[in-house]
Amino acid sequence: MKTTRHIIVALASFVLAGCASVDEKPKKEMPIELARKVALYKTIQLSTLDEYGFASIGGRCDSVLFTSLCLASGGCVGTDIYQAESDKEPGRWFRHAVHDCFDTGESSSDISKDMFAGLAFALDGAEKLRVKQYGESNNWIMGRGPITRTYLTIPLRWQFTDVTQTSSDDDSWLPFPINTGYRAHLDVLSILLRAMSRGNKTTQIELEYLKRQRNRVPSNALFQAAYHKYADGNQERAAAILLDEKVFPADDLPTEANYCTDYLWQRDKESDVLPCEGSTKKHGIDFIFAAWVAYGQDTN
């Protein structure tokens, strides 16, 4: 009963707080030492990409998501993300440049909502219009596989139209209790995308969610960057994490000697975020994407 009361009180406080929109705060200049590291990582990471220029994180069949985040933040220079789009059915996308993840059984679907969350950061104008047209022609079922994965929900559809959404309680979004692990990462991406579709405005409710994720994992630079982007514009904490050479070396990409997982911001388990044996270089997408969220397009 006590837990239930706490949930009710918390949700009520979110609703009361959610009446006003929150504008993105003015960006400050990226620290010089961080800008240098961003530039270095973007150069070195090219040798870590596969033969198609895609970043295989969690296996190649999640690569459209992470390659899109990489491109949005100015990395993966020269990669043609459109290799993953169908030539015969424009607007239909697959998980990798080779469109076989469903056929080989490496994934239970051709594409998924999280892949489109990544693409929404990377595509512009005509490219997004093709997604919209394909979606409308196929009842927003975007490929083969379980409809729970392939059906593009309304908030994600917003990202592939030119309609600017309002910032209000009606389109606020909050999972409760808050998610952890990769779901928390996708939640934060979703809030950032919603803010973009509203003209860089978020809601008090969503800002509260970002705050809770930041507090839950204070070492997550992406969560820090997303929260402070709308709270106060102060990115000192995110910058400090990105400048920590135990995690992100100053002269090379991180390896397993720095942290085990391939992309740091979607993992909470100690076994993923702590060092382990190995010397394979990471792609550095977690690093450059968090820097981009914190400091904006001028990091490209």
C-alpha atoms as a PDB file:
ATOM      1  CA  MET A   1       0.000   0.000   0.000  1.00  0.00           C
ATOM      2  CA  LYS A   2       2.796   2.402   0.848  1.00  0.00           C
ATOM      3  CA  THR A   3       4.435   1.848  -2.550  1.00  0.00           C
ATOM      4  CA  THR A   4       1.127   2.404  -4.335  1.00  0.00           C
ATOM      5  CA  ARG A   5       0.559   5.691  -2.491  1.00  0.00           C
ATOM      6  CA  HIS A   6       4.037   6.864  -3.410  1.00  0.00           C
ATOM      7  CA  ILE A   7       3.408   6.100  -7.077  1.00  0.00           C
ATOM      8  CA  ILE A   8       0.090   7.996  -7.036  1.00  0.00           C
ATOM      9  CA  VAL A   9       1.653  11.013  -5.331  1.00  0.00           C
ATOM     10  CA  ALA A  10       4.583  11.021  -7.753  1.00  0.00           C
ATOM     11  CA  LEU A  11       2.369  10.804 -10.832  1.00  0.00           C
ATOM     12  CA  ALA A  12       0.144  13.570  -9.501  1.00  0.00           C
ATOM     13  CA  SER A  13       3.138  15.822  -8.978  1.00  0.00           C
ATOM     14  CA  PHE A  14       4.268  15.176 -12.595  1.00  0.00           C
ATOM     15  CA  VAL A  15       0.849  16.184 -13.951  1.00  0.00           C
ATOM     16  CA  LEU A  16       0.783  19.377 -11.899  1.00  0.00           C
ATOM     17  CA  ALA A  17       4.303  20.236 -13.063  1.00  0.00           C
ATOM     18  CA  GLY A  18       3.645  19.522 -16.722  1.00  0.00           C
ATOM     19  CA  CYS A  19       1.678  22.617 -17.692  1.00  0.00           C
ATOM     20  CA  ALA A  20       4.509  24.679 -19.186  1.00  0.00           C
ATOM     21  CA  SER A  21       6.929  23.898 -21.988  1.00  0.00           C
ATOM     22  CA  VAL A  22      10.666  24.000 -21.379  1.00  0.00           C
ATOM     23  CA  ASP A  23      12.921  25.517 -24.037  1.00  0.00           C
ATOM     24  CA  GLU A  24      16.381  24.240 -24.822  1.00  0.00           C
ATOM     25  CA  LYS A  25      18.871  26.385 -22.928  1.00  0.00           C
ATOM     26  CA  PRO A  26      21.640  28.312 -24.719  1.00  0.00           C
ATOM     27  CA  LYS A  27      24.669  26.154 -25.455  1.00  0.00           C
ATOM     28  CA  LYS A  28      28.110  26.964 -24.158  1.00  0.00           C
ATOM     29  CA  GLU A  29      31.295  26.465 -26.118  1.00  0.00           C
ATOM     30  CA  MET A  30      32.779  23.001 -25.933  1.00  0.00           C
ATOM     31  CA  PRO A  31      35.984  22.849 -23.857  1.00  0.00           C
ATOM     32  CA  ILE A  32      39.022  22.775 -26.132  1.00  0.00           C
ATOM     33  CA  GLU A  33      40.367  19.509 -24.743  1.00  0.00           C
ATOM     34  CA  LEU A  34      37.001  17.836 -25.305  1.00  0.00           C
ATOM     35  CA  ALA A  35      36.754  19.193 -28.854  1.00  0.00           C
ATOM     36  CA  ARG A  36      40.185  17.743 -29.610  1.00  0.00           C
ATOM     37  CA  LYS A  37      39.181  14.341 -28.290  1.00  0.00           C
ATOM     38  CA  VAL A  38      35.947  14.388 -30.303  1.00  0.00           C
ATOM     39  CA  ALA A  39      37.899  15.145 -33.486  1.00  0.00           C
ATOM     40  CA  LEU A  40      40.425  12.396 -32.736  1.00  0.00           C
ATOM     41  CA  TYR A  41      37.749   9.782 -32.035  1.00  0.00           C
ATOM     42  CA  LYS A  42      35.916  10.594 -35.258  1.00  0.00           C
ATOM     43  CA  THR A  43      39.118   9.998 -37.198  1.00  0.00           C
ATOM     44  CA  ILE A  44      40.232   6.789 -35.482  1.00  0.00           C
ATOM     45  CA  GLN A  45      36.775   5.208 -35.434  1.00  0.00           C
ATOM     46  CA  LEU A  46      36.716   4.809 -39.221  1.00  0.00           C
ATOM     47  CA  SER A  47      39.025   1.806 -38.886  1.00  0.00           C
ATOM     48  CA  THR A  48      36.538   0.096 -36.535  1.00  0.00           C
ATOM     49  CA  LEU A  49      33.570   0.132 -38.925  1.00  0.00           C
ATOM     50  CA  ASP A  50      32.649  -2.868 -41.052  1.00  0.00           C
ATOM     51  CA  GLU A  51      33.133  -3.113 -44.806  1.00  0.00           C
ATOM     52  CA  TYR A  52      29.893  -1.183 -45.371  1.00  0.00           C
ATOM     53  CA  GLY A  53      30.860   1.585 -42.953  1.00  0.00           C
ATOM     54  CA  PHE A  54      28.364   0.403 -40.328  1.00  0.00           C
ATOM     55  CA  ALA A  55      29.016   0.110 -36.601  1.00  0.00           C
ATOM     56  CA  SER A  56      28.211  -3.318 -35.182  1.00  0.00           C
ATOM     57  CA  ILE A  57      27.135  -2.829 -31.571  1.00  0.00           C
ATOM     58  CA  GLY A  58      25.333  -5.731 -29.966  1.00  0.00           C
ATOM     59  CA  GLY A  59      25.753  -7.549 -33.282  1.00  0.00           C
ATOM     60  CA  ARG A  60      25.411  -6.191 -36.789  1.00  0.00           C
ATOM     61  CA  CYS A  61      21.606  -6.341 -36.673  1.00  0.00           C
ATOM     62  CA  ASP A  62      21.383  -3.327 -34.383  1.00  0.00           C
ATOM     63  CA  SER A  63      23.800  -1.334 -36.488  1.00  0.00           C
ATOM     64  CA  VAL A  64      21.282   1.025 -38.132  1.00  0.00           C
ATOM     65  CA  LEU A  65      20.453   2.499 -34.721  1.00  0.00           C
ATOM     66  CA  PHE A  66      24.025   3.160 -33.672  1.00  0.00           C
ATOM     67  CA  THR A  67      25.329   4.119 -37.117  1.00  0.00           C
ATOM     68  CA  SER A  68      22.529   6.691 -37.317  1.00  0.00           C
ATOM     69  CA  LEU A  69      23.478   8.173 -33.931  1.00  0.00           C
ATOM     70  CA  CYS A  70      27.056   8.242 -35.141  1.00  0.00           C
ATOM     71  CA  LEU A  71      26.141  10.119 -38.321  1.00  0.00           C
ATOM     72  CA  ALA A  72      23.897  12.563 -36.469  1.00  0.00           C
ATOM     73  CA  SER A  73      26.781  13.539 -34.222  1.00  0.00           C
ATOM     74  CA  GLY A  74      29.254  14.007 -37.064  1.00  0.00           C
ATOM     75  CA  GLY A  75      30.986  10.618 -36.932  1.00  0.00           C
ATOM     76  CA  CYS A  76      31.075   7.646 -39.327  1.00  0.00           C
ATOM     77  CA  VAL A  77      32.303  10.032 -41.996  1.00  0.00           C
ATOM     78  CA  GLY A  78      31.593   8.715 -45.489  1.00  0.00           C
ATOM     79  CA  THR A  79      29.114   6.041 -44.389  1.00  0.00           C
ATOM     80  CA  ASP A  80      26.092   5.690 -46.660  1.00  0.00           C
ATOM     81  CA  ILE A  81      23.255   4.830 -44.284  1.00  0.00           C
ATOM     82  CA  TYR A  82      20.935   4.465 -47.293  1.00  0.00           C
ATOM     83  CA  GLN A  83      22.479   1.096 -48.036  1.00  0.00           C
ATOM     84  CA  ALA A  84      20.003  -0.128 -45.416  1.00  0.00           C
ATOM     85  CA  GLU A  85      17.001   1.276 -47.337  1.00  0.00           C
ATOM     86  CA  SER A  86      15.220  -0.854 -49.914  1.00  0.00           C
ATOM     87  CA  ASP A  87      15.857   0.049 -53.560  1.00  0.00           C
ATOM     88  CA  LYS A  88      12.540  -1.482 -54.634  1.00  0.00           C
ATOM     89  CA  GLU A  89      10.409  -0.040 -51.820  1.00  0.00           C
ATOM     90  CA  PRO A  90      11.695   3.402 -50.831  1.00  0.00           C
ATOM     91  CA  GLY A  91      11.041   4.160 -47.168  1.00  0.00           C
ATOM     92  CA  ARG A  92      11.382   0.528 -46.146  1.00  0.00           C
ATOM     93  CA  TRP A  93      14.435   0.059 -43.951  1.00  0.00           C
ATOM     94  CA  PHE A  94      16.456  -2.875 -42.699  1.00  0.00           C
ATOM     95  CA  ARG A  95      18.780  -3.366 -39.751  1.00  0.00           C
ATOM     96  CA  HIS A  96      21.999  -3.391 -41.744  1.00  0.00           C
ATOM     97  CA  ALA A  97      23.354  -2.592 -45.191  1.00  0.00           C
ATOM     98  CA  VAL A  98      22.878  -6.294 -45.962  1.00  0.00           C
ATOM     99  CA  HIS A  99      19.126  -6.824 -45.638  1.00  0.00           C
ATOM    100  CA  ASP A 100      19.232 -10.357 -44.313  1.00  0.00           C
ATOM    101  CA  CYS A 101      18.918 -10.197 -40.501  1.00  0.00           C
ATOM    102  CA  PHE A 102      15.373 -11.588 -40.527  1.00  0.00           C
ATOM    103  CA  ASP A 103      16.136 -14.206 -43.182  1.00  0.00           C
ATOM    104  CA  THR A 104      19.203 -15.525 -41.367  1.00  0.00           C
ATOM    105  CA  GLY A 105      17.403 -15.626 -38.034  1.00  0.00           C
ATOM    106  CA  GLU A 106      19.813 -13.145 -36.443  1.00  0.00           C
ATOM    107  CA  SER A 107      16.792 -10.996 -35.628  1.00  0.00           C
ATOM    108  CA  SER A 108      13.080 -11.712 -35.339  1.00  0.00           C
ATOM    109  CA  SER A 109      12.236  -8.661 -37.471  1.00  0.00           C
ATOM    110  CA  ASP A 110      13.505  -6.763 -40.509  1.00  0.00           C
ATOM    111  CA  ILE A 111      13.421  -3.502 -38.584  1.00  0.00           C
ATOM    112  CA  SER A 112      12.195  -2.190 -35.236  1.00  0.00           C
ATOM    113  CA  LYS A 113      11.072   0.969 -33.501  1.00  0.00           C
ATOM    114  CA  ASP A 114      14.480   1.574 -31.953  1.00  0.00           C
ATOM    115  CA  MET A 115      16.096   1.495 -35.413  1.00  0.00           C
ATOM    116  CA  PHE A 116      13.710   4.253 -36.491  1.00  0.00           C
ATOM    117  CA  ALA A 117      14.536   6.208 -33.355  1.00  0.00           C
ATOM    118  CA  GLY A 118      18.134   6.278 -34.568  1.00  0.00           C
ATOM    119  CA  LEU A 119      17.167   7.086 -38.153  1.00  0.00           C
ATOM    120  CA  ALA A 120      15.062  10.019 -36.960  1.00  0.00           C
ATOM    121  CA  PHE A 121      18.270  11.706 -35.799  1.00  0.00           C
ATOM    122  CA  ALA A 122      20.084  11.069 -39.076  1.00  0.00           C
ATOM    123  CA  LEU A 123      17.569  11.603 -41.896  1.00  0.00           C
ATOM    124  CA  ASP A 124      16.308  14.861 -43.343  1.00  0.00           C
ATOM    125  CA  GLY A 125      13.461  16.132 -45.520  1.00  0.00           C
ATOM    126  CA  ALA A 126      12.923  13.886 -48.515  1.00  0.00           C
ATOM    127  CA  GLU A 127      14.393  10.874 -46.726  1.00  0.00           C
ATOM    128  CA  LYS A 128      11.900  11.167 -43.877  1.00  0.00           C
ATOM    129  CA  LEU A 129       9.088  11.690 -46.373  1.00  0.00           C
ATOM    130  CA  ARG A 130       9.855   8.304 -47.939  1.00  0.00           C
ATOM    131  CA  VAL A 131       9.443   6.663 -44.520  1.00  0.00           C
ATOM    132  CA  LYS A 132       6.105   8.443 -44.078  1.00  0.00           C
ATOM    133  CA  GLN A 133       4.840   7.377 -47.503  1.00  0.00           C
ATOM    134  CA  TYR A 134       5.900   3.763 -46.990  1.00  0.00           C
ATOM    135  CA  GLY A 135       4.350   3.738 -43.538  1.00  0.00           C
ATOM    136  CA  GLU A 136       1.024   5.138 -44.711  1.00  0.00           C
ATOM    137  CA  SER A 137       0.912   2.593 -47.541  1.00  0.00           C
ATOM    138  CA  ASN A 138       1.500  -0.299 -45.140  1.00  0.00           C
ATOM    139  CA  ASN A 139      -0.590   0.728 -42.133  1.00  0.00           C
ATOM    140  CA  TRP A 140       2.660   1.731 -40.411  1.00  0.00           C
ATOM    141  CA  ILE A 141       3.867  -1.870 -40.283  1.00  0.00           C
ATOM    142  CA  MET A 142       7.432  -1.306 -41.438  1.00  0.00           C
ATOM    143  CA  GLY A 143       8.678  -4.832 -42.163  1.00  0.00           C
ATOM    144  CA  ARG A 144       8.443  -8.525 -41.413  1.00  0.00           C
ATOM    145  CA  GLY A 145       8.313  -9.816 -37.870  1.00  0.00           C
ATOM    146  CA  PRO A 146       6.207  -9.319 -34.724  1.00  0.00           C
ATOM    147  CA  ILE A 147       3.975  -6.271 -34.968  1.00  0.00           C
ATOM    148  CA  THR A 148       5.169  -5.224 -31.515  1.00  0.00           C
ATOM    149  CA  ARG A 149       8.534  -4.547 -33.123  1.00  0.00           C
ATOM    150  CA  THR A 150       7.594  -3.365 -36.596  1.00  0.00           C
ATOM    151  CA  TYR A 151       4.558  -1.123 -35.972  1.00  0.00           C
ATOM    152  CA  LEU A 152       5.597   2.530 -35.878  1.00  0.00           C
ATOM    153  CA  THR A 153       3.771   4.256 -33.031  1.00  0.00           C
ATOM    154  CA  ILE A 154       2.343   7.762 -33.342  1.00  0.00           C
ATOM    155  CA  PRO A 155       5.097   9.603 -31.424  1.00  0.00           C
ATOM    156  CA  LEU A 156       7.721   8.026 -33.687  1.00  0.00           C
ATOM    157  CA  ARG A 157       5.669   8.902 -36.766  1.00  0.00           C
ATOM    158  CA  TRP A 158       5.972  12.559 -35.763  1.00  0.00           C
ATOM    159  CA  GLN A 159       9.689  12.345 -36.484  1.00  0.00           C
ATOM    160  CA  PHE A 160       9.015  11.563 -40.135  1.00  0.00           C
ATOM    161  CA  THR A 161       6.658  14.463 -40.846  1.00  0.00           C
ATOM    162  CA  ASP A 162       7.245  18.202 -41.089  1.00  0.00           C
ATOM    163  CA  VAL A 163       4.569  18.956 -38.518  1.00  0.00           C
ATOM    164  CA  THR A 164       5.829  20.750 -35.414  1.00  0.00           C
ATOM    165  CA  GLN A 165       4.128  19.321 -32.351  1.00  0.00           C
ATOM    166  CA  THR A 166       2.941  21.384 -29.412  1.00  0.00           C
ATOM    167  CA  SER A 167       4.544  21.036 -26.007  1.00  0.00           C
ATOM    168  CA  SER A 168       1.800  20.183 -23.572  1.00  0.00           C
ATOM    169  CA  ASP A 169       0.559  17.641 -21.055  1.00  0.00           C
ATOM    170  CA  ASP A 170      -1.292  15.842 -23.842  1.00  0.00           C
ATOM    171  CA  ASP A 171       1.877  14.743 -25.624  1.00  0.00           C
ATOM    172  CA  SER A 172       4.051  14.304 -22.545  1.00  0.00           C
ATOM    173  CA  TRP A 173       5.346  10.836 -21.993  1.00  0.00           C
ATOM    174  CA  LEU A 174       6.616   9.073 -18.900  1.00  0.00           C
ATOM    175  CA  PRO A 175       7.173   5.374 -18.176  1.00  0.00           C
ATOM    176  CA  PHE A 176       6.639   4.666 -14.491  1.00  0.00           C
ATOM    177  CA  PRO A 177       8.461   3.230 -12.717  1.00  0.00           C
ATOM    178  CA  ILE A 178      11.436   4.453 -14.705  1.00  0.00           C
ATOM    179  CA  ASN A 179      13.198   1.993 -16.980  1.00  0.00           C
ATOM    180  CA  THR A 180      16.759   0.759 -16.665  1.00  0.00           C
ATOM    181  CA  GLY A 181      19.401  -0.555 -19.059  1.00  0.00           C
ATOM    182  CA  TYR A 182      18.810  -0.277 -22.796  1.00  0.00           C
ATOM    183  CA  ARG A 183      15.174   0.742 -22.276  1.00  0.00           C
ATOM    184  CA  ALA A 184      16.299   3.782 -20.298  1.00  0.00           C
ATOM    185  CA  HIS A 185      18.588   4.730 -23.192  1.00  0.00           C
ATOM    186  CA  LEU A 186      15.718   4.457 -25.665  1.00  0.00           C
ATOM    187  CA  ASP A 187      13.507   6.517 -23.339  1.00  0.00           C
ATOM    188  CA  VAL A 188      16.037   9.340 -23.339  1.00  0.00           C
ATOM    189  CA  LEU A 189      16.377   9.185 -27.140  1.00  0.00           C
ATOM    190  CA  SER A 190      12.580   9.351 -27.400  1.00  0.00           C
ATOM    191  CA  ILE A 191      12.408  12.459 -25.213  1.00  0.00           C
ATOM    192  CA  LEU A 192      15.132  14.150 -27.248  1.00  0.00           C
ATOM    193  CA  LEU A 193      13.285  13.341 -30.482  1.00  0.00           C
ATOM    194  CA  ARG A 194       9.980  14.619 -29.086  1.00  0.00           C
ATOM    195  CA  ALA A 195      11.690  17.842 -28.118  1.00  0.00           C
ATOM    196  CA  MET A 196      13.083  18.182 -31.654  1.00  0.00           C
ATOM    197  CA  SER A 197       9.616  17.698 -33.157  1.00  0.00           C
ATOM    198  CA  ARG A 198       8.309  20.523 -30.924  1.00  0.00           C
ATOM    199  CA  GLY A 199      10.964  22.996 -32.008  1.00  0.00           C
ATOM    200  CA  ASN A 200      13.484  22.081 -29.279  1.00  0.00           C
ATOM    201  CA  LYS A 201      10.974  22.219 -26.453  1.00  0.00           C
ATOM    202  CA  THR A 202      10.339  19.539 -23.877  1.00  0.00           C
ATOM    203  CA  THR A 203       7.772  19.334 -21.080  1.00  0.00           C
ATOM    204  CA  GLN A 204       8.130  19.555 -17.323  1.00  0.00           C
ATOM    205  CA  ILE A 205       7.081  15.925 -17.058  1.00  0.00           C
ATOM    206  CA  GLU A 206       9.743  14.739 -19.473  1.00  0.00           C
ATOM    207  CA  LEU A 207      12.354  16.967 -17.850  1.00  0.00           C
ATOM    208  CA  GLU A 208      11.513  15.309 -14.539  1.00  0.00           C
ATOM    209  CA  TYR A 209      12.066  11.917 -16.158  1.00  0.00           C
ATOM    210  CA  LEU A 210      15.465  13.029 -17.490  1.00  0.00           C
ATOM    211  CA  LYS A 211      16.344  14.271 -14.016  1.00  0.00           C
ATOM    212  CA  ARG A 212      15.464  10.917 -12.484  1.00  0.00           C
ATOM    213  CA  GLN A 213      17.588   9.040 -15.007  1.00  0.00           C
ATOM    214  CA  ARG A 214      20.476  11.445 -14.425  1.00  0.00           C
ATOM    215  CA  ASN A 215      20.208  10.906 -10.677  1.00  0.00           C
ATOM    216  CA  ARG A 216      19.854   7.143 -11.056  1.00  0.00           C
ATOM    217  CA  VAL A 217      23.068   6.822 -13.126  1.00  0.00           C
ATOM    218  CA  PRO A 218      25.127   9.973 -12.478  1.00  0.00           C
ATOM    219  CA  SER A 219      28.055   8.519 -14.440  1.00  0.00           C
ATOM    220  CA  ASN A 220      25.969   8.408 -17.651  1.00  0.00           C
ATOM    221  CA  ALA A 221      27.116  11.371 -19.741  1.00  0.00           C
ATOM    222  CA  LEU A 222      24.186  11.091 -22.146  1.00  0.00           C
ATOM    223  CA  PHE A 223      21.645  11.305 -19.325  1.00  0.00           C
ATOM    224  CA  GLN A 224      23.552  14.260 -17.863  1.00  0.00           C
ATOM    225  CA  ALA A 225      23.699  15.996 -21.237  1.00  0.00           C
ATOM    226  CA  ALA A 226      20.019  15.443 -22.054  1.00  0.00           C
ATOM    227  CA  TYR A 227      18.853  16.749 -18.679  1.00  0.00           C
ATOM    228  CA  HIS A 228      21.056  19.842 -18.596  1.00  0.00           C
ATOM    229  CA  LYS A 229      20.243  20.628 -22.237  1.00  0.00           C
ATOM    230  CA  TYR A 230      16.801  21.730 -21.006  1.00  0.00           C
ATOM    231  CA  ALA A 231      17.339  22.326 -17.282  1.00  0.00           C
ATOM    232  CA  ASP A 232      20.096  24.943 -17.269  1.00  0.00           C
ATOM    233  CA  GLY A 233      22.546  24.492 -20.151  1.00  0.00           C
ATOM    234  CA  ASN A 234      25.359  23.619 -17.739  1.00  0.00           C
ATOM    235  CA  GLN A 235      27.218  20.676 -19.287  1.00  0.00           C
ATOM    236  CA  GLU A 236      30.147  20.596 -16.887  1.00  0.00           C
ATOM    237  CA  ARG A 237      29.201  17.189 -15.470  1.00  0.00           C
ATOM    238  CA  ALA A 238      28.786  15.595 -18.904  1.00  0.00           C
ATOM    239  CA  ALA A 239      32.100  17.088 -20.023  1.00  0.00           C
ATOM    240  CA  ALA A 240      33.867  15.789 -16.911  1.00  0.00           C
ATOM    241  CA  ILE A 241      32.677  12.242 -17.636  1.00  0.00           C
ATOM    242  CA  LEU A 242      33.770  12.466 -21.267  1.00  0.00           C
ATOM    243  CA  LEU A 243      37.175  13.848 -20.245  1.00  0.00           C
ATOM    244  CA  ASP A 244      37.804  11.028 -17.741  1.00  0.00           C
ATOM    245  CA  GLU A 245      40.759   9.216 -19.280  1.00  0.00           C
ATOM    246  CA  LYS A 246      40.059   6.043 -17.299  1.00  0.00           C
ATOM    247  CA  VAL A 247      36.912   5.677 -19.392  1.00  0.00           C
ATOM    248  CA  PHE A 248      37.742   7.612 -22.581  1.00  0.00           C
ATOM    249  CA  PRO A 249      41.496   7.826 -23.244  1.00  0.00           C
ATOM    250  CA  ALA A 250      42.842  11.098 -24.608  1.00  0.00           C
ATOM    251  CA  ASP A 251      44.975   9.527 -27.335  1.00  0.00           C
ATOM    252  CA  ASP A 252      42.966   6.550 -28.601  1.00  0.00           C
ATOM    253  CA  LEU A 253      39.549   4.923 -28.622  1.00  0.00           C
ATOM    254  CA  PRO A 254      38.545   2.985 -25.493  1.00  0.00           C
ATOM    255  CA  THR A 255      38.847  -0.804 -25.342  1.00  0.00           C
ATOM    256  CA  GLU A 256      37.652  -3.496 -22.939  1.00  0.00           C
ATOM    257  CA  ALA A 257      40.426  -2.272 -20.638  1.00  0.00           C
ATOM    258  CA  ASN A 258      38.236   0.812 -20.152  1.00  0.00           C
ATOM    259  CA  TYR A 259      34.777  -0.783 -20.136  1.00  0.00           C
ATOM    260  CA  CYS A 260      33.340  -4.075 -21.347  1.00  0.00           C
ATOM    261  CA  THR A 261      30.222  -3.085 -23.253  1.00  0.00           C
ATOM    262  CA  ASP A 262      30.351  -1.636 -26.776  1.00  0.00           C
ATOM    263  CA  TYR A 263      28.144   1.401 -26.052  1.00  0.00           C
ATOM    264  CA  LEU A 264      28.253   2.661 -22.487  1.00  0.00           C
ATOM    265  CA  TRP A 265      25.029   4.647 -22.063  1.00  0.00           C
ATOM    266  CA  GLN A 266      22.615   1.742 -22.491  1.00  0.00           C
ATOM    267  CA  ARG A 267      24.117  -0.460 -19.769  1.00  0.00           C
ATOM    268  CA  ASP A 268      23.740  -0.303 -15.991  1.00  0.00           C
ATOM    269  CA  LYS A 269      25.181  -3.636 -14.898  1.00  0.00           C
ATOM    270  CA  GLU A 270      28.564  -3.479 -13.226  1.00  0.00           C
ATOM    271  CA  SER A 271      29.866  -6.275 -15.459  1.00  0.00           C
ATOM    272  CA  ASP A 272      29.166  -4.115 -18.516  1.00  0.00           C
ATOM    273  CA  VAL A 273      30.520  -0.785 -17.352  1.00  0.00           C
ATOM    274  CA  LEU A 274      33.682  -1.999 -15.609  1.00  0.00           C
ATOM    275  CA  PRO A 275      36.884  -3.037 -17.432  1.00  0.00           C
ATOM    276  CA  CYS A 276      37.419  -6.610 -18.582  1.00  0.00           C
ATOM    277  CA  GLU A 277      39.981  -8.544 -20.596  1.00  0.00           C
ATOM    278  CA  GLY A 278      40.400  -7.578 -24.227  1.00  0.00           C
ATOM    279  CA  SER A 279      41.963  -4.985 -26.476  1.00  0.00           C
ATOM    280  CA  THR A 280      39.384  -4.498 -29.241  1.00  0.00           C
ATOM    281  CA  LYS A 281      38.726  -0.831 -29.937  1.00  0.00           C
ATOM    282  CA  LYS A 282      35.234   0.539 -29.387  1.00  0.00           C
ATOM    283  CA  HIS A 283      33.528   2.635 -32.052  1.00  0.00           C
ATOM    284  CA  GLY A 284      33.371   5.665 -29.733  1.00  0.00           C
ATOM    285  CA  ILE A 285      29.769   6.424 -30.707  1.00  0.00           C
ATOM    286  CA  ASP A 286      28.679   6.697 -27.077  1.00  0.00           C
ATOM    287  CA  PHE A 287      31.338   9.389 -26.600  1.00  0.00           C
ATOM    288  CA  ILE A 288      30.674  11.534 -29.669  1.00  0.00           C
ATOM    289  CA  PHE A 289      26.876  11.278 -29.420  1.00  0.00           C
ATOM    290  CA  ALA A 290      26.846  12.451 -25.799  1.00  0.00           C
ATOM    291  CA  ALA A 291      29.163  15.337 -26.742  1.00  0.00           C
ATOM    292  CA  TRP A 292      26.797  16.288 -29.568  1.00  0.00           C
ATOM    293  CA  VAL A 293      23.724  16.237 -27.323  1.00  0.00           C
ATOM    294  CA  ALA A 294      25.575  18.429 -24.824  1.00  0.00           C
ATOM    295  CA  TYR A 295      27.084  20.956 -27.219  1.00  0.00           C
ATOM    296  CA  GLY A 296      25.145  20.696 -30.465  1.00  0.00           C
ATOM    297  CA  GLN A 297      25.797  20.716 -34.174  1.00  0.00           C
ATOM    298  CA  ASP A 298      29.018  22.690 -33.839  1.00  0.00           C
ATOM    299  CA  THR A 299      30.753  19.482 -32.733  1.00  0.00           C
ATOM    300  CA  ASN A 300      30.583  18.165 -36.327  1.00  0.00           C
END
